[in-house]
Amino acid sequence: QPLHHFQGLDPTGAVALGRLVVDQQRQQVSWAGQVLPLTRLERDVLAALASPPLRVWTYQQLYERVWGADYLEDAAAVRSTVKRLRAKLRDANATVAVESARGVGYSLVDANSHGRH
C-alpha cells in the first residue's frame, strides 16, 4: 500500500497531509514522492505541525516537543527553524505551508483544501 494513499496516522508512525508524508520511522519527509532535505529540527517541527488534528501549536509547545527543553520565552530558535522549513517547502513547490498565528505560534495549512494559493 503506497504511503500517499492514507490520511492521518498509520501504523509505521507516518503522517500524511495531501502529498506531504512525514515518516518518523525512516526519519524522512517527502512531498509528492520527493524526499525533502530537512534537518532533524525542521523535520520534528513539521511532524508536530502535521500531526492530527491540525491545530495551532504555540511556540512553547513546539519548543518543548522538538528541543526537549524548558521554553524560556525565546521564540528565536523556533522562528529560524520555521523560516528554513518554509523555504524548503517552497523549493519543493509544496501546497502545504506553515502559517503564523501572530504572537502565538504556527499551524500547517494545505492550500488545496483551503482554496488558497
PDB file of N, CA and C in Angstrom:
ATOM      1  N   GLN A   1       0.849  -1.201   0.000  1.00  0.00           N
ATOM      2  CA  GLN A   1       0.000   0.000   0.000  1.00  0.00           C
ATOM      3  C   GLN A   1       0.885   1.253   0.000  1.00  0.00           C
ATOM      4  N   PRO A   2       0.823   2.045  -1.070  1.00  0.00           N
ATOM      5  CA  PRO A   2       1.682   3.232  -1.139  1.00  0.00           C
ATOM      6  C   PRO A   2       1.324   4.216  -0.025  1.00  0.00           C
ATOM      7  N   LEU A   3       2.350   4.881   0.500  1.00  0.00           N
ATOM      8  CA  LEU A   3       2.156   5.769   1.640  1.00  0.00           C
ATOM      9  C   LEU A   3       1.166   6.883   1.386  1.00  0.00           C
ATOM     10  N   HIS A   4       1.136   7.419   0.146  1.00  0.00           N
ATOM     11  CA  HIS A   4       0.332   8.614  -0.047  1.00  0.00           C
ATOM     12  C   HIS A   4      -1.164   8.339  -0.148  1.00  0.00           C
ATOM     13  N   HIS A   5      -1.573   7.077   0.064  1.00  0.00           N
ATOM     14  CA  HIS A   5      -2.993   6.782  -0.045  1.00  0.00           C
ATOM     15  C   HIS A   5      -3.751   6.956   1.255  1.00  0.00           C
ATOM     16  N   PHE A   6      -3.047   7.118   2.363  1.00  0.00           N
ATOM     17  CA  PHE A   6      -3.766   7.265   3.623  1.00  0.00           C
ATOM     18  C   PHE A   6      -3.742   8.708   4.071  1.00  0.00           C
ATOM     19  N   GLN A   7      -4.638   9.018   4.973  1.00  0.00           N
ATOM     20  CA  GLN A   7      -4.645  10.337   5.613  1.00  0.00           C
ATOM     21  C   GLN A   7      -4.502  10.104   7.104  1.00  0.00           C
ATOM     22  N   GLY A   8      -3.730  10.934   7.757  1.00  0.00           N
ATOM     23  CA  GLY A   8      -3.585  10.791   9.189  1.00  0.00           C
ATOM     24  C   GLY A   8      -2.485   9.800   9.544  1.00  0.00           C
ATOM     25  N   LEU A   9      -2.590   9.250  10.743  1.00  0.00           N
ATOM     26  CA  LEU A   9      -1.538   8.389  11.262  1.00  0.00           C
ATOM     27  C   LEU A   9      -1.693   6.967  10.733  1.00  0.00           C
ATOM     28  N   ASP A  10      -0.576   6.332  10.404  1.00  0.00           N
ATOM     29  CA  ASP A  10      -0.649   4.930  10.006  1.00  0.00           C
ATOM     30  C   ASP A  10       0.291   4.142  10.916  1.00  0.00           C
ATOM     31  N   PRO A  11       0.260   2.808  10.855  1.00  0.00           N
ATOM     32  CA  PRO A  11       0.997   2.010  11.840  1.00  0.00           C
ATOM     33  C   PRO A  11       2.505   2.269  11.865  1.00  0.00           C
ATOM     34  N   THR A  12       3.070   2.733  10.782  1.00  0.00           N
ATOM     35  CA  THR A  12       4.515   2.953  10.761  1.00  0.00           C
ATOM     36  C   THR A  12       4.880   4.279  11.415  1.00  0.00           C
ATOM     37  N   GLY A  13       3.874   5.018  11.886  1.00  0.00           N
ATOM     38  CA  GLY A  13       4.169   6.300  12.509  1.00  0.00           C
ATOM     39  C   GLY A  13       4.337   7.399  11.483  1.00  0.00           C
ATOM     40  N   ALA A  14       3.853   7.172  10.275  1.00  0.00           N
ATOM     41  CA  ALA A  14       3.935   8.212   9.250  1.00  0.00           C
ATOM     42  C   ALA A  14       2.657   9.042   9.265  1.00  0.00           C
ATOM     43  N   VAL A  15       2.810  10.306   8.949  1.00  0.00           N
ATOM     44  CA  VAL A  15       1.661  11.207   8.880  1.00  0.00           C
ATOM     45  C   VAL A  15       1.589  11.739   7.464  1.00  0.00           C
ATOM     46  N   ALA A  16       0.398  11.751   6.886  1.00  0.00           N
ATOM     47  CA  ALA A  16       0.252  12.284   5.531  1.00  0.00           C
ATOM     48  C   ALA A  16      -0.734  13.439   5.532  1.00  0.00           C
ATOM     49  N   LEU A  17      -0.381  14.460   4.785  1.00  0.00           N
ATOM     50  CA  LEU A  17      -1.285  15.587   4.584  1.00  0.00           C
ATOM     51  C   LEU A  17      -1.214  15.892   3.108  1.00  0.00           C
ATOM     52  N   GLY A  18      -2.243  15.466   2.370  1.00  0.00           N
ATOM     53  CA  GLY A  18      -2.162  15.593   0.916  1.00  0.00           C
ATOM     54  C   GLY A  18      -0.969  14.781   0.425  1.00  0.00           C
ATOM     55  N   ARG A  19      -0.066  15.433  -0.318  1.00  0.00           N
ATOM     56  CA  ARG A  19       1.097  14.722  -0.851  1.00  0.00           C
ATOM     57  C   ARG A  19       2.319  14.826   0.058  1.00  0.00           C
ATOM     58  N   LEU A  20       2.108  15.413   1.238  1.00  0.00           N
ATOM     59  CA  LEU A  20       3.187  15.504   2.210  1.00  0.00           C
ATOM     60  C   LEU A  20       3.168  14.256   3.086  1.00  0.00           C
ATOM     61  N   VAL A  21       4.298  13.583   3.196  1.00  0.00           N
ATOM     62  CA  VAL A  21       4.400  12.418   4.073  1.00  0.00           C
ATOM     63  C   VAL A  21       5.557  12.635   5.047  1.00  0.00           C
ATOM     64  N   VAL A  22       5.231  12.603   6.327  1.00  0.00           N
ATOM     65  CA  VAL A  22       6.244  12.730   7.370  1.00  0.00           C
ATOM     66  C   VAL A  22       6.415  11.334   7.965  1.00  0.00           C
ATOM     67  N   ASP A  23       7.535  10.716   7.671  1.00  0.00           N
ATOM     68  CA  ASP A  23       7.801   9.350   8.108  1.00  0.00           C
ATOM     69  C   ASP A  23       8.856   9.382   9.210  1.00  0.00           C
ATOM     70  N   GLN A  24       8.391   9.374  10.459  1.00  0.00           N
ATOM     71  CA  GLN A  24       9.310   9.492  11.587  1.00  0.00           C
ATOM     72  C   GLN A  24      10.196   8.259  11.722  1.00  0.00           C
ATOM     73  N   GLN A  25       9.666   7.100  11.339  1.00  0.00           N
ATOM     74  CA  GLN A  25      10.446   5.875  11.472  1.00  0.00           C
ATOM     75  C   GLN A  25      11.658   5.915  10.538  1.00  0.00           C
ATOM     76  N   ARG A  26      11.435   6.355   9.314  1.00  0.00           N
ATOM     77  CA  ARG A  26      12.534   6.451   8.360  1.00  0.00           C
ATOM     78  C   ARG A  26      13.294   7.752   8.486  1.00  0.00           C
ATOM     79  N   GLN A  27      12.809   8.628   9.379  1.00  0.00           N
ATOM     80  CA  GLN A  27      13.455   9.919   9.582  1.00  0.00           C
ATOM     81  C   GLN A  27      13.498  10.725   8.294  1.00  0.00           C
ATOM     82  N   GLN A  28      12.391  10.693   7.557  1.00  0.00           N
ATOM     83  CA  GLN A  28      12.381  11.496   6.342  1.00  0.00           C
ATOM     84  C   GLN A  28      11.002  12.076   6.055  1.00  0.00           C
ATOM     85  N   VAL A  29      11.031  13.164   5.293  1.00  0.00           N
ATOM     86  CA  VAL A  29       9.814  13.845   4.885  1.00  0.00           C
ATOM     87  C   VAL A  29       9.843  13.917   3.366  1.00  0.00           C
ATOM     88  N   SER A  30       8.713  13.638   2.744  1.00  0.00           N
ATOM     89  CA  SER A  30       8.682  13.750   1.286  1.00  0.00           C
ATOM     90  C   SER A  30       7.451  14.524   0.839  1.00  0.00           C
ATOM     91  N   TRP A  31       7.601  15.185  -0.294  1.00  0.00           N
ATOM     92  CA  TRP A  31       6.485  15.880  -0.932  1.00  0.00           C
ATOM     93  C   TRP A  31       6.336  15.278  -2.319  1.00  0.00           C
ATOM     94  N   ALA A  32       5.141  14.734  -2.600  1.00  0.00           N
ATOM     95  CA  ALA A  32       4.869  14.136  -3.904  1.00  0.00           C
ATOM     96  C   ALA A  32       5.976  13.152  -4.293  1.00  0.00           C
ATOM     97  N   GLY A  33       6.447  12.396  -3.298  1.00  0.00           N
ATOM     98  CA  GLY A  33       7.432  11.358  -3.590  1.00  0.00           C
ATOM     99  C   GLY A  33       8.880  11.821  -3.562  1.00  0.00           C
ATOM    100  N   GLN A  34       9.104  13.142  -3.497  1.00  0.00           N
ATOM    101  CA  GLN A  34      10.473  13.672  -3.445  1.00  0.00           C
ATOM    102  C   GLN A  34      10.867  13.883  -1.987  1.00  0.00           C
ATOM    103  N   VAL A  35      11.977  13.271  -1.584  1.00  0.00           N
ATOM    104  CA  VAL A  35      12.430  13.446  -0.203  1.00  0.00           C
ATOM    105  C   VAL A  35      12.980  14.863  -0.028  1.00  0.00           C
ATOM    106  N   LEU A  36      12.531  15.545   1.028  1.00  0.00           N
ATOM    107  CA  LEU A  36      12.980  16.916   1.298  1.00  0.00           C
ATOM    108  C   LEU A  36      14.235  16.888   2.174  1.00  0.00           C
ATOM    109  N   PRO A  37      15.184  17.781   1.895  1.00  0.00           N
ATOM    110  CA  PRO A  37      16.453  17.800   2.640  1.00  0.00           C
ATOM    111  C   PRO A  37      16.324  18.545   3.965  1.00  0.00           C
ATOM    112  N   LEU A  38      15.536  17.981   4.880  1.00  0.00           N
ATOM    113  CA  LEU A  38      15.293  18.669   6.138  1.00  0.00           C
ATOM    114  C   LEU A  38      16.271  18.223   7.221  1.00  0.00           C
ATOM    115  N   THR A  39      16.587  19.142   8.110  1.00  0.00           N
ATOM    116  CA  THR A  39      17.373  18.798   9.296  1.00  0.00           C
ATOM    117  C   THR A  39      16.449  18.108  10.296  1.00  0.00           C
ATOM    118  N   ARG A  40      17.019  17.544  11.353  1.00  0.00           N
ATOM    119  CA  ARG A  40      16.192  16.881  12.354  1.00  0.00           C
ATOM    120  C   ARG A  40      15.208  17.874  12.979  1.00  0.00           C
ATOM    121  N   LEU A  41      15.672  19.091  13.279  1.00  0.00           N
ATOM    122  CA  LEU A  41      14.787  20.080  13.895  1.00  0.00           C
ATOM    123  C   LEU A  41      13.637  20.445  12.966  1.00  0.00           C
ATOM    124  N   GLU A  42      13.964  20.689  11.695  1.00  0.00           N
ATOM    125  CA  GLU A  42      12.923  21.047  10.717  1.00  0.00           C
ATOM    126  C   GLU A  42      11.908  19.917  10.588  1.00  0.00           C
ATOM    127  N   ARG A  43      12.417  18.687  10.539  1.00  0.00           N
ATOM    128  CA  ARG A  43      11.538  17.530  10.386  1.00  0.00           C
ATOM    129  C   ARG A  43      10.647  17.371  11.617  1.00  0.00           C
ATOM    130  N   ASP A  44      11.228  17.564  12.798  1.00  0.00           N
ATOM    131  CA  ASP A  44      10.438  17.387  14.017  1.00  0.00           C
ATOM    132  C   ASP A  44       9.374  18.472  14.165  1.00  0.00           C
ATOM    133  N   VAL A  45       9.712  19.707  13.756  1.00  0.00           N
ATOM    134  CA  VAL A  45       8.719  20.782  13.786  1.00  0.00           C
ATOM    135  C   VAL A  45       7.577  20.441  12.828  1.00  0.00           C
ATOM    136  N   LEU A  46       7.931  20.000  11.628  1.00  0.00           N
ATOM    137  CA  LEU A  46       6.906  19.658  10.636  1.00  0.00           C
ATOM    138  C   LEU A  46       6.068  18.477  11.109  1.00  0.00           C
ATOM    139  N   ALA A  47       6.705  17.497  11.719  1.00  0.00           N
ATOM    140  CA  ALA A  47       5.969  16.323  12.224  1.00  0.00           C
ATOM    141  C   ALA A  47       4.941  16.742  13.268  1.00  0.00           C
ATOM    142  N   ALA A  48       5.340  17.671  14.140  1.00  0.00           N
ATOM    143  CA  ALA A  48       4.401  18.160  15.159  1.00  0.00           C
ATOM    144  C   ALA A  48       3.233  18.876  14.485  1.00  0.00           C
ATOM    145  N   LEU A  49       3.555  19.804  13.574  1.00  0.00           N
ATOM    146  CA  LEU A  49       2.500  20.595  12.925  1.00  0.00           C
ATOM    147  C   LEU A  49       1.556  19.727  12.100  1.00  0.00           C
ATOM    148  N   ALA A  50       2.096  18.638  11.526  1.00  0.00           N
ATOM    149  CA  ALA A  50       1.286  17.797  10.633  1.00  0.00           C
ATOM    150  C   ALA A  50       0.474  16.760  11.387  1.00  0.00           C
ATOM    151  N   SER A  51       0.758  16.587  12.687  1.00  0.00           N
ATOM    152  CA  SER A  51       0.064  15.525  13.406  1.00  0.00           C
ATOM    153  C   SER A  51      -1.395  15.899  13.642  1.00  0.00           C
ATOM    154  N   PRO A  52      -2.272  14.926  13.394  1.00  0.00           N
ATOM    155  CA  PRO A  52      -3.700  15.216  13.562  1.00  0.00           C
ATOM    156  C   PRO A  52      -4.075  15.350  15.034  1.00  0.00           C
ATOM    157  N   PRO A  53      -5.073  16.160  15.350  1.00  0.00           N
ATOM    158  CA  PRO A  53      -5.778  17.076  14.439  1.00  0.00           C
ATOM    159  C   PRO A  53      -4.931  18.317  14.174  1.00  0.00           C
ATOM    160  N   LEU A  54      -5.040  18.847  12.959  1.00  0.00           N
ATOM    161  CA  LEU A  54      -4.287  20.057  12.629  1.00  0.00           C
ATOM    162  C   LEU A  54      -4.757  21.193  13.526  1.00  0.00           C
ATOM    163  N   ARG A  55      -3.815  21.888  14.119  1.00  0.00           N
ATOM    164  CA  ARG A  55      -4.152  22.961  15.048  1.00  0.00           C
ATOM    165  C   ARG A  55      -2.973  23.914  15.139  1.00  0.00           C
ATOM    166  N   VAL A  56      -3.185  25.015  15.834  1.00  0.00           N
ATOM    167  CA  VAL A  56      -2.087  25.947  16.088  1.00  0.00           C
ATOM    168  C   VAL A  56      -1.255  25.392  17.241  1.00  0.00           C
ATOM    169  N   TRP A  57       0.038  25.298  17.017  1.00  0.00           N
ATOM    170  CA  TRP A  57       0.978  24.919  18.069  1.00  0.00           C
ATOM    171  C   TRP A  57       1.604  26.205  18.587  1.00  0.00           C
ATOM    172  N   THR A  58       1.622  26.382  19.892  1.00  0.00           N
ATOM    173  CA  THR A  58       2.266  27.573  20.440  1.00  0.00           C
ATOM    174  C   THR A  58       3.778  27.404  20.350  1.00  0.00           C
ATOM    175  N   TYR A  59       4.485  28.515  20.428  1.00  0.00           N
ATOM    176  CA  TYR A  59       5.954  28.447  20.433  1.00  0.00           C
ATOM    177  C   TYR A  59       6.416  27.495  21.539  1.00  0.00           C
ATOM    178  N   GLN A  60       5.763  27.604  22.700  1.00  0.00           N
ATOM    179  CA  GLN A  60       6.172  26.785  23.842  1.00  0.00           C
ATOM    180  C   GLN A  60       5.981  25.297  23.563  1.00  0.00           C
ATOM    181  N   GLN A  61       4.817  24.940  22.999  1.00  0.00           N
ATOM    182  CA  GLN A  61       4.555  23.526  22.697  1.00  0.00           C
ATOM    183  C   GLN A  61       5.578  22.980  21.702  1.00  0.00           C
ATOM    184  N   LEU A  62       5.858  23.765  20.669  1.00  0.00           N
ATOM    185  CA  LEU A  62       6.829  23.318  19.667  1.00  0.00           C
ATOM    186  C   LEU A  62       8.209  23.175  20.285  1.00  0.00           C
ATOM    187  N   TYR A  63       8.590  24.172  21.054  1.00  0.00           N
ATOM    188  CA  TYR A  63       9.928  24.164  21.634  1.00  0.00           C
ATOM    189  C   TYR A  63      10.115  22.961  22.556  1.00  0.00           C
ATOM    190  N   GLU A  64       9.135  22.732  23.418  1.00  0.00           N
ATOM    191  CA  GLU A  64       9.273  21.635  24.372  1.00  0.00           C
ATOM    192  C   GLU A  64       9.235  20.281  23.676  1.00  0.00           C
ATOM    193  N   ARG A  65       8.445  20.173  22.602  1.00  0.00           N
ATOM    194  CA  ARG A  65       8.389  18.895  21.893  1.00  0.00           C
ATOM    195  C   ARG A  65       9.649  18.662  21.062  1.00  0.00           C
ATOM    196  N   VAL A  66      10.091  19.678  20.329  1.00  0.00           N
ATOM    197  CA  VAL A  66      11.192  19.493  19.383  1.00  0.00           C
ATOM    198  C   VAL A  66      12.566  19.591  20.044  1.00  0.00           C
ATOM    199  N   TRP A  67      12.727  20.606  20.889  1.00  0.00           N
ATOM    200  CA  TRP A  67      14.038  20.805  21.526  1.00  0.00           C
ATOM    201  C   TRP A  67      14.148  20.026  22.841  1.00  0.00           C
ATOM    202  N   GLY A  68      12.999  19.601  23.368  1.00  0.00           N
ATOM    203  CA  GLY A  68      13.001  18.810  24.587  1.00  0.00           C
ATOM    204  C   GLY A  68      13.557  19.565  25.781  1.00  0.00           C
ATOM    205  N   ALA A  69      13.348  20.867  25.797  1.00  0.00           N
ATOM    206  CA  ALA A  69      13.865  21.686  26.892  1.00  0.00           C
ATOM    207  C   ALA A  69      12.774  22.636  27.358  1.00  0.00           C
ATOM    208  N   ASP A  70      12.983  23.207  28.518  1.00  0.00           N
ATOM    209  CA  ASP A  70      12.024  24.191  29.014  1.00  0.00           C
ATOM    210  C   ASP A  70      12.073  25.437  28.140  1.00  0.00           C
ATOM    211  N   TYR A  71      10.908  25.943  27.820  1.00  0.00           N
ATOM    212  CA  TYR A  71      10.795  27.131  26.983  1.00  0.00           C
ATOM    213  C   TYR A  71      11.070  28.366  27.825  1.00  0.00           C
ATOM    214  N   LEU A  72      12.025  29.184  27.375  1.00  0.00           N
ATOM    215  CA  LEU A  72      12.404  30.357  28.153  1.00  0.00           C
ATOM    216  C   LEU A  72      11.930  31.650  27.494  1.00  0.00           C
ATOM    217  N   GLU A  73      10.709  31.598  26.947  1.00  0.00           N
ATOM    218  CA  GLU A  73      10.121  32.784  26.308  1.00  0.00           C
ATOM    219  C   GLU A  73      10.991  33.318  25.182  1.00  0.00           C
ATOM    220  N   ASP A  74      11.739  32.430  24.532  1.00  0.00           N
ATOM    221  CA  ASP A  74      12.587  32.859  23.424  1.00  0.00           C
ATOM    222  C   ASP A  74      12.198  32.067  22.193  1.00  0.00           C
ATOM    223  N   ALA A  75      11.432  32.707  21.325  1.00  0.00           N
ATOM    224  CA  ALA A  75      10.914  32.000  20.155  1.00  0.00           C
ATOM    225  C   ALA A  75      11.897  32.003  18.988  1.00  0.00           C
ATOM    226  N   ALA A  76      13.086  32.584  19.187  1.00  0.00           N
ATOM    227  CA  ALA A  76      14.026  32.742  18.070  1.00  0.00           C
ATOM    228  C   ALA A  76      14.391  31.406  17.415  1.00  0.00           C
ATOM    229  N   ALA A  77      14.643  30.388  18.216  1.00  0.00           N
ATOM    230  CA  ALA A  77      15.028  29.082  17.662  1.00  0.00           C
ATOM    231  C   ALA A  77      13.883  28.500  16.827  1.00  0.00           C
ATOM    232  N   VAL A  78      12.674  28.627  17.355  1.00  0.00           N
ATOM    233  CA  VAL A  78      11.507  28.115  16.635  1.00  0.00           C
ATOM    234  C   VAL A  78      11.325  28.897  15.331  1.00  0.00           C
ATOM    235  N   ARG A  79      11.427  30.222  15.429  1.00  0.00           N
ATOM    236  CA  ARG A  79      11.223  31.062  14.234  1.00  0.00           C
ATOM    237  C   ARG A  79      12.241  30.765  13.143  1.00  0.00           C
ATOM    238  N   SER A  80      13.510  30.629  13.512  1.00  0.00           N
ATOM    239  CA  SER A  80      14.529  30.424  12.484  1.00  0.00           C
ATOM    240  C   SER A  80      14.382  29.041  11.846  1.00  0.00           C
ATOM    241  N   THR A  81      13.982  28.050  12.648  1.00  0.00           N
ATOM    242  CA  THR A  81      13.760  26.711  12.090  1.00  0.00           C
ATOM    243  C   THR A  81      12.577  26.733  11.128  1.00  0.00           C
ATOM    244  N   VAL A  82      11.500  27.417  11.519  1.00  0.00           N
ATOM    245  CA  VAL A  82      10.318  27.507  10.655  1.00  0.00           C
ATOM    246  C   VAL A  82      10.662  28.256   9.365  1.00  0.00           C
ATOM    247  N   LYS A  83      11.486  29.283   9.466  1.00  0.00           N
ATOM    248  CA  LYS A  83      11.878  30.054   8.279  1.00  0.00           C
ATOM    249  C   LYS A  83      12.588  29.154   7.259  1.00  0.00           C
ATOM    250  N   ARG A  84      13.519  28.320   7.741  1.00  0.00           N
ATOM    251  CA  ARG A  84      14.225  27.406   6.838  1.00  0.00           C
ATOM    252  C   ARG A  84      13.277  26.345   6.288  1.00  0.00           C
ATOM    253  N   LEU A  85      12.382  25.880   7.142  1.00  0.00           N
ATOM    254  CA  LEU A  85      11.410  24.867   6.733  1.00  0.00           C
ATOM    255  C   LEU A  85      10.509  25.410   5.627  1.00  0.00           C
ATOM    256  N   ARG A  86      10.037  26.650   5.802  1.00  0.00           N
ATOM    257  CA  ARG A  86       9.175  27.267   4.787  1.00  0.00           C
ATOM    258  C   ARG A  86       9.886  27.356   3.434  1.00  0.00           C
ATOM    259  N   ALA A  87      11.162  27.752   3.476  1.00  0.00           N
ATOM    260  CA  ALA A  87      11.930  27.890   2.231  1.00  0.00           C
ATOM    261  C   ALA A  87      12.032  26.547   1.527  1.00  0.00           C
ATOM    262  N   LYS A  88      12.246  25.472   2.274  1.00  0.00           N
ATOM    263  CA  LYS A  88      12.392  24.148   1.669  1.00  0.00           C
ATOM    264  C   LYS A  88      11.065  23.635   1.118  1.00  0.00           C
ATOM    265  N   LEU A  89       9.969  23.953   1.807  1.00  0.00           N
ATOM    266  CA  LEU A  89       8.651  23.574   1.294  1.00  0.00           C
ATOM    267  C   LEU A  89       8.359  24.333  -0.008  1.00  0.00           C
ATOM    268  N   ARG A  90       8.734  25.624  -0.029  1.00  0.00           N
ATOM    269  CA  ARG A  90       8.549  26.415  -1.252  1.00  0.00           C
ATOM    270  C   ARG A  90       9.382  25.853  -2.400  1.00  0.00           C
ATOM    271  N   ASP A  91      10.632  25.510  -2.094  1.00  0.00           N
ATOM    272  CA  ASP A  91      11.512  24.952  -3.126  1.00  0.00           C
ATOM    273  C   ASP A  91      10.931  23.684  -3.733  1.00  0.00           C
ATOM    274  N   ALA A  92      10.185  22.938  -2.919  1.00  0.00           N
ATOM    275  CA  ALA A  92       9.598  21.677  -3.385  1.00  0.00           C
ATOM    276  C   ALA A  92       8.238  21.912  -4.049  1.00  0.00           C
ATOM    277  N   ASN A  93       7.837  23.197  -4.157  1.00  0.00           N
ATOM    278  CA  ASN A  93       6.523  23.551  -4.702  1.00  0.00           C
ATOM    279  C   ASN A  93       5.383  22.876  -3.947  1.00  0.00           C
ATOM    280  N   ALA A  94       5.565  22.723  -2.656  1.00  0.00           N
ATOM    281  CA  ALA A  94       4.530  22.088  -1.838  1.00  0.00           C
ATOM    282  C   ALA A  94       3.345  23.032  -1.673  1.00  0.00           C
ATOM    283  N   THR A  95       2.146  22.469  -1.638  1.00  0.00           N
ATOM    284  CA  THR A  95       0.968  23.307  -1.402  1.00  0.00           C
ATOM    285  C   THR A  95       0.692  23.433   0.093  1.00  0.00           C
ATOM    286  N   VAL A  96       1.412  22.666   0.911  1.00  0.00           N
ATOM    287  CA  VAL A  96       1.264  22.854   2.355  1.00  0.00           C
ATOM    288  C   VAL A  96       2.231  23.940   2.782  1.00  0.00           C
ATOM    289  N   ALA A  97       1.807  24.719   3.757  1.00  0.00           N
ATOM    290  CA  ALA A  97       2.642  25.825   4.213  1.00  0.00           C
ATOM    291  C   ALA A  97       2.486  25.988   5.712  1.00  0.00           C
ATOM    292  N   VAL A  98       3.523  26.541   6.324  1.00  0.00           N
ATOM    293  CA  VAL A  98       3.474  26.838   7.749  1.00  0.00           C
ATOM    294  C   VAL A  98       2.941  28.249   7.894  1.00  0.00           C
ATOM    295  N   GLU A  99       1.815  28.372   8.563  1.00  0.00           N
ATOM    296  CA  GLU A  99       1.168  29.668   8.710  1.00  0.00           C
ATOM    297  C   GLU A  99       1.388  30.193  10.127  1.00  0.00           C
ATOM    298  N   SER A 100       1.646  31.492  10.225  1.00  0.00           N
ATOM    299  CA  SER A 100       1.851  32.094  11.546  1.00  0.00           C
ATOM    300  C   SER A 100       0.522  32.450  12.189  1.00  0.00           C
ATOM    301  N   ALA A 101       0.411  32.141  13.457  1.00  0.00           N
ATOM    302  CA  ALA A 101      -0.680  32.679  14.263  1.00  0.00           C
ATOM    303  C   ALA A 101       0.010  33.759  15.090  1.00  0.00           C
ATOM    304  N   ARG A 102      -0.178  34.989  14.697  1.00  0.00           N
ATOM    305  CA  ARG A 102       0.638  36.098  15.212  1.00  0.00           C
ATOM    306  C   ARG A 102       0.742  36.117  16.737  1.00  0.00           C
ATOM    307  N   GLY A 103       1.980  36.077  17.212  1.00  0.00           N
ATOM    308  CA  GLY A 103       2.214  36.146  18.642  1.00  0.00           C
ATOM    309  C   GLY A 103       1.896  34.863  19.399  1.00  0.00           C
ATOM    310  N   VAL A 104       1.417  33.841  18.682  1.00  0.00           N
ATOM    311  CA  VAL A 104       1.008  32.609  19.356  1.00  0.00           C
ATOM    312  C   VAL A 104       1.908  31.445  18.958  1.00  0.00           C
ATOM    313  N   GLY A 105       1.988  31.187  17.650  1.00  0.00           N
ATOM    314  CA  GLY A 105       2.761  30.043  17.182  1.00  0.00           C
ATOM    315  C   GLY A 105       2.510  29.786  15.710  1.00  0.00           C
ATOM    316  N   TYR A 106       2.399  28.510  15.348  1.00  0.00           N
ATOM    317  CA  TYR A 106       2.285  28.137  13.938  1.00  0.00           C
ATOM    318  C   TYR A 106       1.281  27.015  13.738  1.00  0.00           C
ATOM    319  N   SER A 107       0.761  26.967  12.522  1.00  0.00           N
ATOM    320  CA  SER A 107      -0.063  25.830  12.131  1.00  0.00           C
ATOM    321  C   SER A 107       0.300  25.462  10.702  1.00  0.00           C
ATOM    322  N   LEU A 108      -0.093  24.263  10.319  1.00  0.00           N
ATOM    323  CA  LEU A 108       0.180  23.796   8.962  1.00  0.00           C
ATOM    324  C   LEU A 108      -1.112  23.891   8.174  1.00  0.00           C
ATOM    325  N   VAL A 109      -1.054  24.488   6.995  1.00  0.00           N
ATOM    326  CA  VAL A 109      -2.247  24.581   6.156  1.00  0.00           C
ATOM    327  C   VAL A 109      -1.954  23.959   4.802  1.00  0.00           C
ATOM    328  N   ASP A 110      -2.984  23.358   4.236  1.00  0.00           N
ATOM    329  CA  ASP A 110      -2.873  22.801   2.890  1.00  0.00           C
ATOM    330  C   ASP A 110      -3.666  23.718   1.972  1.00  0.00           C
ATOM    331  N   ALA A 111      -2.943  24.429   1.104  1.00  0.00           N
ATOM    332  CA  ALA A 111      -3.586  25.414   0.235  1.00  0.00           C
ATOM    333  C   ALA A 111      -4.687  24.789  -0.601  1.00  0.00           C
ATOM    334  N   ASN A 112      -4.508  23.531  -0.998  1.00  0.00           N
ATOM    335  CA  ASN A 112      -5.519  22.874  -1.826  1.00  0.00           C
ATOM    336  C   ASN A 112      -6.848  22.740  -1.115  1.00  0.00           C
ATOM    337  N   SER A 113      -6.794  22.417   0.173  1.00  0.00           N
ATOM    338  CA  SER A 113      -8.060  22.158   0.865  1.00  0.00           C
ATOM    339  C   SER A 113      -8.679  23.444   1.399  1.00  0.00           C
ATOM    340  N   HIS A 114      -7.922  24.549   1.344  1.00  0.00           N
ATOM    341  CA  HIS A 114      -8.462  25.810   1.848  1.00  0.00           C
ATOM    342  C   HIS A 114      -8.822  26.776   0.718  1.00  0.00           C
ATOM    343  N   GLY A 115      -8.632  26.345  -0.514  1.00  0.00           N
ATOM    344  CA  GLY A 115      -8.940  27.223  -1.631  1.00  0.00           C
ATOM    345  C   GLY A 115      -8.051  28.441  -1.659  1.00  0.00           C
ATOM    346  N   ARG A 116      -6.844  28.340  -1.051  1.00  0.00           N
ATOM    347  CA  ARG A 116      -5.916  29.471  -1.066  1.00  0.00           C
ATOM    348  C   ARG A 116      -4.778  29.159  -2.005  1.00  0.00           C
ATOM    349  N   HIS A 117      -3.994  30.223  -2.346  1.00  0.00           N
ATOM    350  CA  HIS A 117      -2.873  29.937  -3.230  1.00  0.00           C
ATOM    351  C   HIS A 117      -1.578  30.380  -2.590  1.00  0.00           C
TER     352      HIS A 117
END
